[in-house]
Amino acid sequence: AQEAKRGFGSFLFLLCFLSVQLGVLNLLPIPVLDGGHFAFMLYEGIRGRPMGMKKRLLAQQVGLVLLLGLMVFVTFNDINRVWGFGNIWEGIKGLFG
């Protein structure tokens, strides 16, 4: 909302910046993302044969779980920063340690 108040050019710059950031994130070598597919192709090119479907499926499932975990972690931190739930992480750590 603040960028929109500054003018259309500033808002357009913000949209372009977010688009580039999403593109960079998509190129990370996480199996679910495009960078992960590139990593699989590179791996298969070096080995000279395709990766087994079970290994590929397992890698994609692990990558998806890690990516979803990262999203939950970042979202939780943002919510905690905005509404200030205090030291919730210490309470969560106390449950496991």
Protein backbone atom coordinates (compact mmCIF):
# COMPACT_ATOMS: atom_id res chain seq x y z
CA ALA A 1 0.00 0.00 0.00
CA GLN A 2 2.87 2.37 0.75
CA GLU A 3 4.42 1.76 -2.67
CA ALA A 4 1.11 2.52 -4.39
CA LYS A 5 0.92 5.87 -2.58
CA ARG A 6 4.41 6.80 -3.80
CA GLY A 7 3.33 6.55 -7.42
CA PHE A 8 2.87 4.10 -10.24
CA GLY A 9 6.59 3.93 -11.09
CA SER A 10 7.51 2.91 -7.56
CA PHE A 11 4.71 0.34 -7.50
CA LEU A 12 5.84 -1.08 -10.85
CA PHE A 13 9.41 -1.32 -9.54
CA LEU A 14 8.14 -3.29 -6.52
CA LEU A 15 6.27 -5.69 -8.79
CA CYS A 16 9.36 -6.19 -10.96
CA PHE A 17 11.52 -6.76 -7.88
CA LEU A 18 9.12 -9.39 -6.54
CA SER A 19 8.99 -11.10 -9.93
CA VAL A 20 12.79 -11.31 -10.12
CA GLN A 21 12.96 -12.63 -6.55
CA LEU A 22 10.43 -15.37 -7.35
CA GLY A 23 12.45 -16.28 -10.44
CA VAL A 24 15.64 -16.59 -8.39
CA LEU A 25 13.81 -18.67 -5.77
CA ASN A 26 12.48 -20.93 -8.53
CA LEU A 27 16.04 -21.64 -9.71
CA LEU A 28 17.15 -23.03 -6.35
CA PRO A 29 18.13 -26.71 -6.65
CA ILE A 30 15.16 -27.96 -4.64
CA PRO A 31 13.63 -30.99 -6.42
CA VAL A 32 10.10 -29.55 -6.64
CA LEU A 33 11.27 -26.31 -8.29
CA ASP A 34 12.69 -25.73 -11.78
CA GLY A 35 16.22 -25.62 -10.39
CA GLY A 36 15.64 -29.11 -9.01
CA HIS A 37 14.62 -30.36 -12.46
CA PHE A 38 17.81 -28.82 -13.84
CA ALA A 39 19.79 -30.57 -11.09
CA PHE A 40 18.17 -33.90 -12.04
CA MET A 41 19.11 -33.34 -15.70
CA LEU A 42 22.66 -32.45 -14.72
CA TYR A 43 22.90 -35.55 -12.50
CA GLU A 44 21.57 -37.76 -15.30
CA GLY A 45 23.96 -36.17 -17.79
CA ILE A 46 26.95 -36.89 -15.56
CA ARG A 47 25.83 -40.44 -14.79
CA GLY A 48 24.82 -41.16 -18.37
CA ARG A 49 21.54 -42.78 -17.39
CA PRO A 50 18.25 -41.62 -15.91
CA MET A 51 17.60 -41.59 -12.19
CA GLY A 52 15.19 -44.23 -10.93
CA MET A 53 11.60 -43.12 -10.49
CA LYS A 54 11.53 -44.15 -6.82
CA LYS A 55 14.60 -42.02 -6.03
CA ARG A 56 13.22 -39.08 -8.01
CA LEU A 57 9.84 -39.34 -6.29
CA LEU A 58 11.47 -39.54 -2.85
CA ALA A 59 13.68 -36.52 -3.61
CA GLN A 60 10.65 -34.52 -4.78
CA GLN A 61 8.65 -35.46 -1.69
CA VAL A 62 11.51 -34.49 0.62
CA GLY A 63 11.98 -31.23 -1.30
CA LEU A 64 8.28 -30.45 -1.03
CA VAL A 65 8.24 -31.11 2.72
CA LEU A 66 11.32 -28.91 3.21
CA LEU A 67 9.81 -26.12 1.10
CA LEU A 68 6.49 -26.27 2.96
CA GLY A 69 8.35 -26.30 6.28
CA LEU A 70 10.29 -23.22 5.23
CA MET A 71 7.05 -21.47 4.24
CA VAL A 72 5.43 -22.27 7.60
CA PHE A 73 8.55 -21.10 9.46
CA VAL A 74 8.74 -17.80 7.56
CA THR A 75 5.00 -17.17 7.91
CA PHE A 76 5.11 -17.90 11.64
CA ASN A 77 8.06 -15.54 12.09
CA ASP A 78 6.25 -12.77 10.18
CA ILE A 79 3.11 -13.20 12.27
CA ASN A 80 5.19 -13.24 15.44
CA ARG A 81 7.01 -10.06 14.38
CA VAL A 82 3.79 -8.19 13.51
CA TRP A 83 1.64 -9.18 16.47
CA GLY A 84 4.48 -9.87 18.92
CA PHE A 85 3.54 -13.10 20.62
CA GLY A 86 6.64 -12.71 22.73
CA ASN A 87 9.05 -15.55 23.11
CA ILE A 88 6.98 -18.35 21.56
CA TRP A 89 10.06 -20.12 20.18
CA GLU A 90 11.39 -20.60 23.71
CA GLY A 91 8.10 -22.21 24.72
CA ILE A 92 8.17 -24.49 21.69
CA LYS A 93 11.79 -25.44 22.39
CA GLY A 94 10.79 -26.24 25.97
CA LEU A 95 8.31 -28.80 24.69
CA PHE A 96 11.04 -30.74 22.87
CA GLY A 97 14.03 -30.25 25.12
